[in-house]
């Protein structure tokens, strides 16, 4: 069974999709999230790191709005790029969860 979810406090999608879908009663899928602040509908100033934090905050709001927690997350696939200006997920994941990265 598939249950579309639209948690309170989450920016309304611009397209015909749900911010989250619960499948099989326990598995939560989230839609792609950008760096838009739900309060203003605009990107926060400050560059890529601030935008990444906002996108992760948006995902956290969706997960928690559906009754979940980032402690019980799956990790997305990652591409290693030594020239990337974004910090390694292993150095920044502690801001978003208490579980140690694999």
C-alpha atoms as a PDB file:
ATOM      1  CA  UNK A   1       0.000   0.000   0.000  1.00  0.00           C
ATOM      2  CA  UNK A   2       1.197   3.512  -0.827  1.00  0.00           C
ATOM      3  CA  UNK A   3       0.304   6.562   1.294  1.00  0.00           C
ATOM      4  CA  UNK A   4       1.202  10.036  -0.033  1.00  0.00           C
ATOM      5  CA  UNK A   5       2.081  12.484   2.758  1.00  0.00           C
ATOM      6  CA  UNK A   6       2.075  16.294   2.937  1.00  0.00           C
ATOM      7  CA  UNK A   7       3.464  17.160   6.417  1.00  0.00           C
ATOM      8  CA  UNK A   8       2.637  20.544   7.952  1.00  0.00           C
ATOM      9  CA  UNK A   9       5.383  23.161   7.772  1.00  0.00           C
ATOM     10  CA  UNK A  10       6.865  21.772   4.560  1.00  0.00           C
ATOM     11  CA  UNK A  11       7.044  23.873   1.381  1.00  0.00           C
ATOM     12  CA  UNK A  12       4.227  22.942  -0.997  1.00  0.00           C
ATOM     13  CA  UNK A  13       5.583  21.096  -4.063  1.00  0.00           C
ATOM     14  CA  UNK A  14       5.608  23.022  -7.334  1.00  0.00           C
ATOM     15  CA  UNK A  15       4.627  19.925  -9.269  1.00  0.00           C
ATOM     16  CA  UNK A  16       2.003  17.186  -8.963  1.00  0.00           C
ATOM     17  CA  UNK A  17       3.836  15.063  -6.407  1.00  0.00           C
ATOM     18  CA  UNK A  18       3.942  14.424  -2.673  1.00  0.00           C
ATOM     19  CA  UNK A  19       6.875  15.452  -0.479  1.00  0.00           C
ATOM     20  CA  UNK A  20       6.818  11.926   0.949  1.00  0.00           C
ATOM     21  CA  UNK A  21       5.277   8.515   0.386  1.00  0.00           C
ATOM     22  CA  UNK A  22       5.021   5.747   2.951  1.00  0.00           C
ATOM     23  CA  UNK A  23       5.117   2.283   1.407  1.00  0.00           C
ATOM     24  CA  UNK A  24       4.370  -0.980   3.152  1.00  0.00           C
ATOM     25  CA  UNK A  25       3.482   0.827   6.382  1.00  0.00           C
ATOM     26  CA  UNK A  26       7.083   1.600   7.437  1.00  0.00           C
ATOM     27  CA  UNK A  27       9.251   2.606   4.482  1.00  0.00           C
ATOM     28  CA  UNK A  28       9.404   6.362   3.817  1.00  0.00           C
ATOM     29  CA  UNK A  29      10.469   7.822   0.474  1.00  0.00           C
ATOM     30  CA  UNK A  30      11.092  11.566   0.197  1.00  0.00           C
ATOM     31  CA  UNK A  31      11.002  13.655  -2.959  1.00  0.00           C
ATOM     32  CA  UNK A  32      14.078  15.578  -3.982  1.00  0.00           C
ATOM     33  CA  UNK A  33      14.465  18.710  -1.869  1.00  0.00           C
ATOM     34  CA  UNK A  34      16.126  21.971  -2.736  1.00  0.00           C
ATOM     35  CA  UNK A  35      17.416  24.770  -0.540  1.00  0.00           C
ATOM     36  CA  UNK A  36      14.182  26.795  -0.355  1.00  0.00           C
ATOM     37  CA  UNK A  37      13.220  28.087   3.099  1.00  0.00           C
ATOM     38  CA  UNK A  38       9.589  27.044   3.783  1.00  0.00           C
ATOM     39  CA  UNK A  39       8.931  30.327   5.620  1.00  0.00           C
ATOM     40  CA  UNK A  40       9.964  32.562   2.702  1.00  0.00           C
ATOM     41  CA  UNK A  41       9.971  30.279  -0.352  1.00  0.00           C
ATOM     42  CA  UNK A  42      13.438  31.631  -1.220  1.00  0.00           C
ATOM     43  CA  UNK A  43      17.010  30.323  -1.115  1.00  0.00           C
ATOM     44  CA  UNK A  44      18.937  31.413   1.978  1.00  0.00           C
ATOM     45  CA  UNK A  45      21.930  33.712   1.378  1.00  0.00           C
ATOM     46  CA  UNK A  46      25.397  32.415   2.143  1.00  0.00           C
ATOM     47  CA  UNK A  47      26.415  29.972  -0.551  1.00  0.00           C
ATOM     48  CA  UNK A  48      26.429  26.247  -1.112  1.00  0.00           C
ATOM     49  CA  UNK A  49      27.000  25.147   2.496  1.00  0.00           C
ATOM     50  CA  UNK A  50      24.019  27.152   3.768  1.00  0.00           C
ATOM     51  CA  UNK A  51      21.905  25.854   0.884  1.00  0.00           C
ATOM     52  CA  UNK A  52      22.907  22.256   1.648  1.00  0.00           C
ATOM     53  CA  UNK A  53      21.960  22.758   5.309  1.00  0.00           C
ATOM     54  CA  UNK A  54      18.577  24.136   4.264  1.00  0.00           C
ATOM     55  CA  UNK A  55      17.928  21.192   1.924  1.00  0.00           C
ATOM     56  CA  UNK A  56      18.778  18.757   4.742  1.00  0.00           C
ATOM     57  CA  UNK A  57      16.545  20.709   7.136  1.00  0.00           C
ATOM     58  CA  UNK A  58      13.736  20.373   4.602  1.00  0.00           C
ATOM     59  CA  UNK A  59      14.268  16.607   4.456  1.00  0.00           C
ATOM     60  CA  UNK A  60      14.345  16.425   8.260  1.00  0.00           C
ATOM     61  CA  UNK A  61      11.030  18.332   8.437  1.00  0.00           C
ATOM     62  CA  UNK A  62       9.429  15.877   6.013  1.00  0.00           C
ATOM     63  CA  UNK A  63      10.746  12.798   7.832  1.00  0.00           C
ATOM     64  CA  UNK A  64       9.782  14.082  11.287  1.00  0.00           C
ATOM     65  CA  UNK A  65       6.423  15.321   9.957  1.00  0.00           C
ATOM     66  CA  UNK A  66       5.711  11.740   8.910  1.00  0.00           C
ATOM     67  CA  UNK A  67       6.631  10.406  12.362  1.00  0.00           C
ATOM     68  CA  UNK A  68      10.157   9.287  11.480  1.00  0.00           C
ATOM     69  CA  UNK A  69      13.666  10.188  12.541  1.00  0.00           C
ATOM     70  CA  UNK A  70      16.952  10.649  10.705  1.00  0.00           C
ATOM     71  CA  UNK A  71      18.463   8.117  13.109  1.00  0.00           C
ATOM     72  CA  UNK A  72      16.752   5.406  11.041  1.00  0.00           C
ATOM     73  CA  UNK A  73      17.910   6.556   7.638  1.00  0.00           C
ATOM     74  CA  UNK A  74      19.323   4.873   4.608  1.00  0.00           C
ATOM     75  CA  UNK A  75      22.289   6.547   2.968  1.00  0.00           C
ATOM     76  CA  UNK A  76      22.013   7.671  -0.638  1.00  0.00           C
ATOM     77  CA  UNK A  77      24.669   6.687  -3.141  1.00  0.00           C
ATOM     78  CA  UNK A  78      27.618   9.077  -3.137  1.00  0.00           C
ATOM     79  CA  UNK A  79      30.115   9.967  -5.811  1.00  0.00           C
ATOM     80  CA  UNK A  80      33.664  10.675  -4.706  1.00  0.00           C
ATOM     81  CA  UNK A  81      35.058  13.875  -6.182  1.00  0.00           C
ATOM     82  CA  UNK A  82      38.306  15.185  -4.669  1.00  0.00           C
ATOM     83  CA  UNK A  83      37.846  18.591  -6.344  1.00  0.00           C
ATOM     84  CA  UNK A  84      34.392  19.160  -4.842  1.00  0.00           C
ATOM     85  CA  UNK A  85      34.113  22.237  -2.579  1.00  0.00           C
ATOM     86  CA  UNK A  86      31.498  20.473  -0.430  1.00  0.00           C
ATOM     87  CA  UNK A  87      32.767  18.800   2.725  1.00  0.00           C
ATOM     88  CA  UNK A  88      32.773  15.039   3.014  1.00  0.00           C
ATOM     89  CA  UNK A  89      29.474  13.617   4.342  1.00  0.00           C
ATOM     90  CA  UNK A  90      31.415  11.920   7.135  1.00  0.00           C
ATOM     91  CA  UNK A  91      32.460  15.321   8.531  1.00  0.00           C
ATOM     92  CA  UNK A  92      29.029  16.917   8.363  1.00  0.00           C
ATOM     93  CA  UNK A  93      26.596  14.043   9.049  1.00  0.00           C
ATOM     94  CA  UNK A  94      26.823  14.542  12.824  1.00  0.00           C
ATOM     95  CA  UNK A  95      24.771  17.721  12.394  1.00  0.00           C
ATOM     96  CA  UNK A  96      21.841  15.690  11.118  1.00  0.00           C
ATOM     97  CA  UNK A  97      21.939  12.398  12.985  1.00  0.00           C
ATOM     98  CA  UNK A  98      23.457  10.715  16.011  1.00  0.00           C
ATOM     99  CA  UNK A  99      24.211   7.487  14.157  1.00  0.00           C
ATOM    100  CA  UNK A 100      27.792   6.998  13.001  1.00  0.00           C
ATOM    101  CA  UNK A 101      28.295   6.755   9.235  1.00  0.00           C
ATOM    102  CA  UNK A 102      29.104   3.273   7.889  1.00  0.00           C
END
